[in-house]
Amino acid sequence: MIEWAPFVKALVASIVYSLIGIVMFAASFVIIKMVTPFSLRKEIEEDQNTALAILISSVILGLSIIITAAIKG
C-alpha cells in the first residue's frame, strides 16, 4: 500500500514556500517601483531604455536567486 502522508506533506510545504517566495518577490518589486523617481514602464516601453531594462532584469534574477536560496535552507 502506498503511504500518501510524506507526499502530501512535501506537496503542502512546496506550495506554502512557493507562495511565500512569490509574495516576497512581489513586495520587493513594489518597493523598487516606489523608490525609483520615474516611471519604470514609461522608461522601458516608450523611451526604449535598454540599460534600465537590463538593470531591472538583473535585480529580478538576483532577488529570485536569494529567495530560492532562503526557501531551500
Protein backbone atom coordinates (compact mmCIF):
# COMPACT_ATOMS: atom_id res chain seq x y z
CA MET A 1 0.00 0.00 0.00
CA ILE A 2 1.23 3.48 -0.87
CA GLU A 3 1.69 5.91 2.00
CA TRP A 4 0.42 9.32 0.95
CA ALA A 5 1.43 11.23 4.09
CA PRO A 6 5.03 12.05 3.05
CA PHE A 7 3.90 13.07 -0.42
CA VAL A 8 1.11 15.31 0.86
CA LYS A 9 3.43 16.85 3.44
CA ALA A 10 6.05 17.65 0.77
CA LEU A 11 3.39 18.98 -1.60
CA VAL A 12 1.91 21.31 1.03
CA ALA A 13 5.38 22.53 2.01
CA SER A 14 6.23 23.23 -1.64
CA ILE A 15 3.02 25.18 -2.17
CA VAL A 16 3.49 27.22 1.01
CA TYR A 17 7.13 28.04 0.22
CA SER A 18 6.22 28.94 -3.36
CA LEU A 19 3.53 31.34 -2.17
CA ILE A 20 5.90 32.91 0.36
CA GLY A 21 8.51 33.35 -2.38
CA ILE A 22 6.03 34.94 -4.77
CA VAL A 23 4.80 37.35 -2.09
CA MET A 24 8.37 38.31 -1.15
CA PHE A 25 9.28 38.85 -4.80
CA ALA A 26 6.18 40.97 -5.47
CA ALA A 27 6.79 43.07 -2.36
CA SER A 28 10.40 43.71 -3.31
CA PHE A 29 9.40 44.70 -6.84
CA VAL A 30 6.80 47.12 -5.46
CA ILE A 31 9.48 48.64 -3.23
CA ILE A 32 11.80 49.06 -6.23
CA LYS A 33 8.97 50.68 -8.16
CA MET A 34 8.24 53.10 -5.29
CA VAL A 35 11.90 54.05 -4.77
CA THR A 36 12.61 54.98 -8.38
CA PRO A 37 11.81 58.64 -9.10
CA PHE A 38 10.50 57.87 -12.60
CA SER A 39 8.04 55.51 -14.25
CA LEU A 40 9.71 52.19 -15.00
CA ARG A 41 7.07 51.31 -17.58
CA LYS A 42 7.47 54.59 -19.46
CA GLU A 43 11.27 54.42 -19.44
CA ILE A 44 11.41 50.83 -20.68
CA GLU A 45 8.45 50.70 -23.08
CA GLU A 46 8.14 54.19 -24.51
CA ASP A 47 11.69 55.54 -24.23
CA GLN A 48 13.31 52.16 -25.08
CA ASN A 49 15.77 52.46 -22.18
CA THR A 50 17.68 49.19 -22.64
CA ALA A 51 20.10 49.86 -19.81
CA LEU A 52 17.25 50.22 -17.33
CA ALA A 53 15.62 47.03 -18.63
CA ILE A 54 18.88 45.13 -18.15
CA LEU A 55 19.28 46.59 -14.65
CA ILE A 56 15.73 45.68 -13.60
CA SER A 57 16.09 42.16 -15.04
CA SER A 58 19.35 41.75 -13.09
CA VAL A 59 17.58 42.81 -9.90
CA ILE A 60 14.75 40.36 -10.63
CA LEU A 61 17.20 37.49 -11.18
CA GLY A 62 19.15 38.41 -8.04
CA LEU A 63 16.00 38.50 -5.93
CA SER A 64 14.88 35.19 -7.36
CA ILE A 65 18.19 33.54 -6.50
CA ILE A 66 18.14 34.93 -2.97
CA ILE A 67 14.53 33.86 -2.35
CA THR A 68 15.25 30.40 -3.75
CA ALA A 69 18.28 30.00 -1.51
CA ALA A 70 16.26 31.15 1.51
CA ILE A 71 13.49 28.67 0.76
CA LYS A 72 15.88 25.75 0.21
CA GLY A 73 17.60 26.48 3.50
